[in-house]
Protein backbone atom coordinates (compact mmCIF):
# COMPACT_ATOMS: atom_id res chain seq x y z
CA MET A 1 38.80 59.70 55.14
CA ALA A 2 41.73 60.19 57.91
CA SER A 3 39.02 58.23 60.37
CA VAL A 4 38.65 55.24 57.59
CA ALA A 5 42.65 54.94 57.44
CA ALA A 6 42.96 55.17 61.04
CA SER A 7 40.39 52.55 61.46
CA SER A 8 42.16 50.33 59.16
CA ARG A 9 45.42 50.77 60.85
CA TYR A 10 43.80 49.66 64.09
CA ALA A 11 42.03 47.01 62.51
CA LYS A 12 45.16 45.65 60.85
CA SER A 13 47.12 45.88 64.26
CA LEU A 14 44.36 43.74 66.25
CA LEU A 15 44.20 41.19 63.39
CA GLN A 16 48.02 40.80 63.48
CA LEU A 17 48.27 40.61 67.41
CA ALA A 18 45.38 38.17 67.64
CA GLN A 19 47.32 35.77 64.78
CA GLN A 20 50.66 36.23 67.04
CA ASN A 21 48.94 35.41 70.02
CA ASN A 22 46.85 32.16 68.35
CA VAL A 23 43.40 33.96 69.35
CA LEU A 24 42.24 34.86 65.96
CA GLU A 25 39.17 33.07 66.03
CA LEU A 26 38.07 34.03 69.50
CA VAL A 27 38.97 37.91 68.57
CA ASN A 28 36.87 37.61 65.43
CA ALA A 29 33.83 36.36 67.73
CA ASP A 30 34.45 39.41 69.98
CA ILE A 31 34.52 41.81 67.27
CA LYS A 32 31.31 40.33 65.75
CA GLY A 33 29.75 40.89 69.26
CA ILE A 34 30.93 44.19 69.78
CA SER A 35 29.47 44.85 66.02
CA VAL A 36 26.33 43.98 67.83
CA ALA A 37 26.41 45.84 70.58
CA LEU A 38 27.17 48.94 68.41
CA THR A 39 23.64 48.79 67.13
CA SER A 40 22.49 49.97 70.58
CA ALA A 41 21.86 53.78 70.24
CA GLU A 42 22.77 54.14 73.85
CA PHE A 43 26.00 52.21 73.62
CA VAL A 44 27.25 54.39 70.36
CA ASP A 45 26.30 57.54 72.26
CA PHE A 46 28.39 56.92 75.18
CA ILE A 47 31.13 55.74 73.04
CA LYS A 48 31.18 58.78 71.19
CA SER A 49 30.80 61.33 73.75
CA PRO A 50 33.52 63.80 74.12
CA ILE A 51 31.96 64.67 77.70
CA ILE A 52 32.72 61.26 79.23
CA ASN A 53 36.26 60.95 80.50
CA ALA A 54 38.51 58.29 79.23
CA ASP A 55 38.94 56.71 82.99
CA LYS A 56 34.83 56.36 83.11
CA LYS A 57 35.02 54.88 79.74
CA VAL A 58 37.79 52.31 80.72
CA SER A 59 35.82 51.56 83.84
CA VAL A 60 32.48 51.15 81.73
CA ILE A 61 34.35 49.17 79.01
CA ASN A 62 35.69 46.75 81.67
CA ALA A 63 32.40 46.21 83.60
CA LEU A 64 30.56 45.45 80.36
CA PHE A 65 33.25 43.23 78.43
CA ALA A 66 35.60 41.61 81.25
CA GLY A 67 35.19 38.11 81.24
CA LYS A 68 33.16 38.14 78.20
CA VAL A 69 35.64 38.50 75.63
CA ASN A 70 39.17 37.59 75.17
CA PRO A 71 41.95 39.65 77.30
CA LEU A 72 43.58 40.79 74.20
CA THR A 73 40.21 42.36 72.55
CA LEU A 74 39.41 43.94 76.32
CA SER A 75 43.11 45.25 76.28
CA PHE A 76 42.55 46.46 72.83
CA LEU A 77 39.11 48.46 73.74
CA ASN A 78 40.62 49.98 76.63
CA LEU A 79 43.75 51.36 74.60
CA LEU A 80 41.25 52.87 72.45
CA ALA A 81 39.33 54.41 75.11
CA THR A 82 42.61 55.78 76.75
CA LYS A 83 43.82 57.29 73.58
CA ARG A 84 40.42 58.65 72.86
CA ARG A 85 39.96 56.49 69.83
CA GLU A 86 37.02 54.65 70.86
CA SER A 87 34.97 56.85 68.23
CA LEU A 88 36.48 54.69 65.62
CA LEU A 89 35.14 51.47 67.10
CA SER A 90 32.45 51.11 64.55
CA GLY A 91 35.04 51.47 61.62
CA ILE A 92 37.55 49.36 63.23
CA THR A 93 35.05 46.42 63.64
CA ALA A 94 34.15 46.84 60.10
CA SER A 95 37.56 47.06 59.00
CA PHE A 96 38.81 44.09 60.79
CA GLN A 97 35.70 42.02 59.44
CA GLU A 98 36.69 43.02 56.01
CA GLN A 99 40.61 42.15 56.36
CA TYR A 100 39.64 38.92 58.29
CA ASN A 101 37.30 37.67 55.54
CA ALA A 102 39.92 38.90 52.98
CA MET A 103 42.61 36.58 55.05
CA ARG A 104 40.46 33.64 55.20
CA ASN A 105 39.20 33.74 51.85
CA ILE A 106 35.73 34.50 52.88
CA ILE A 107 32.93 36.04 50.76
CA LYS A 108 30.33 38.26 51.77
CA ALA A 109 26.72 37.24 49.93
CA GLU A 110 23.62 38.87 50.60
CA VAL A 111 20.34 37.02 49.84
CA VAL A 112 17.13 39.00 49.58
CA THR A 113 13.96 37.32 49.43
CA ALA A 114 10.01 38.18 49.88
CA ALA A 115 9.88 35.76 52.56
CA GLY A 116 12.56 34.14 54.52
CA LEU A 117 14.36 31.48 53.39
CA ASP A 118 13.69 27.61 55.00
CA GLU A 119 16.67 25.92 56.34
CA THR A 120 17.12 23.50 53.27
CA LEU A 121 16.79 26.19 50.85
CA ARG A 122 19.54 28.39 53.33
CA GLN A 123 21.44 25.47 52.59
CA GLN A 124 21.46 25.19 49.23
CA VAL A 125 21.99 28.85 48.47
CA TYR A 126 24.84 28.67 50.87
CA ASP A 127 26.50 25.39 48.97
CA LEU A 128 26.17 26.86 45.57
CA ILE A 129 27.78 30.01 46.29
CA LYS A 130 30.27 28.16 47.95
CA GLN A 131 30.96 25.89 44.90
CA VAL A 132 30.60 28.82 42.14
CA ASN A 133 32.92 31.00 44.23
CA ASN A 134 35.44 28.19 45.32
CA SER A 135 35.66 29.90 48.71
CA GLU A 136 33.90 30.06 52.16
CA VAL A 137 30.76 32.03 52.50
CA GLU A 138 29.23 34.61 55.10
CA VAL A 139 25.66 34.85 53.99
CA VAL A 140 23.69 37.76 55.23
CA GLU A 141 19.79 37.16 54.66
CA LYS A 142 17.54 40.22 54.35
CA VAL A 143 13.62 39.94 53.59
CA ASP A 144 12.05 42.62 51.50
CA ALA A 145 8.28 42.06 50.63
CA LYS A 146 8.37 44.80 47.76
CA ILE A 147 10.09 42.26 45.83
CA ILE A 148 7.25 40.04 45.82
CA GLY A 149 8.71 36.65 45.10
CA GLY A 150 12.07 35.01 43.80
CA PHE A 151 15.39 36.41 45.23
CA ILE A 152 18.13 39.13 44.69
CA LEU A 153 21.58 37.94 45.21
CA ASN A 154 24.69 40.38 45.82
CA ILE A 155 28.06 38.92 45.93
CA GLY A 156 30.60 41.52 45.99
CA SER A 157 29.92 43.88 43.21
CA LYS A 158 27.63 41.48 41.43
CA GLN A 159 23.90 41.50 41.59
CA TYR A 160 21.74 38.51 40.36
CA ASP A 161 18.11 39.85 40.47
CA ASN A 162 15.67 37.22 39.84
CA SER A 163 12.90 39.09 41.45
CA VAL A 164 9.10 38.83 40.53
CA LEU A 165 9.30 42.82 40.90
CA ARG A 166 12.54 43.08 38.08
CA SER A 167 10.24 40.51 35.92
CA LEU A 168 7.27 42.82 36.10
CA GLN A 169 9.03 45.99 35.49
CA ALA A 170 10.97 44.45 32.56
CA ILE A 171 7.51 43.44 31.14
CA LYS A 172 6.15 46.91 31.77
CA ASN A 173 8.72 48.63 29.91
CA LYS A 174 8.75 46.12 27.17
CA LEU A 175 5.04 47.03 27.00
CA SER A 176 5.61 50.95 27.10
CA THR A 177 8.05 50.86 24.31
CA ASN A 178 5.86 49.29 21.60
């Protein structure tokens, strides 16, 4: 719980600094890129390793990110390493994105289909969600062949399940009760 609170505070501080320095969009793009880097097991092991000293982590962070991210983002990463808080990086990036989305009134939606969406359908889904919710939308697509067909749409805590799998389960339940 303490790490969640600390991650949130660090994210809020970075968000405010980026806003004050008029580099919010650049820092947001950097944070998204760092989130991608955090999918690498080797990078996560390096970041979380208590054996590697702070100076070594700072030099590796500089080698990886210098010239590729905004100087504010790089300074922030170096601060985390120096203060031995780099293990919070995953939580900080997630919290930053949540706070950024809340500030910009961007909602996150997840669309699960049996096969990927083509560009036309993707745009229709995006436009519909944007219109219904009257806000910007960040759509995450997932493919799950188990749903057979149709789609499952998750927006916040709401789920709209129009999958063939759910329809078949409903028919099965109806037949078993009769």
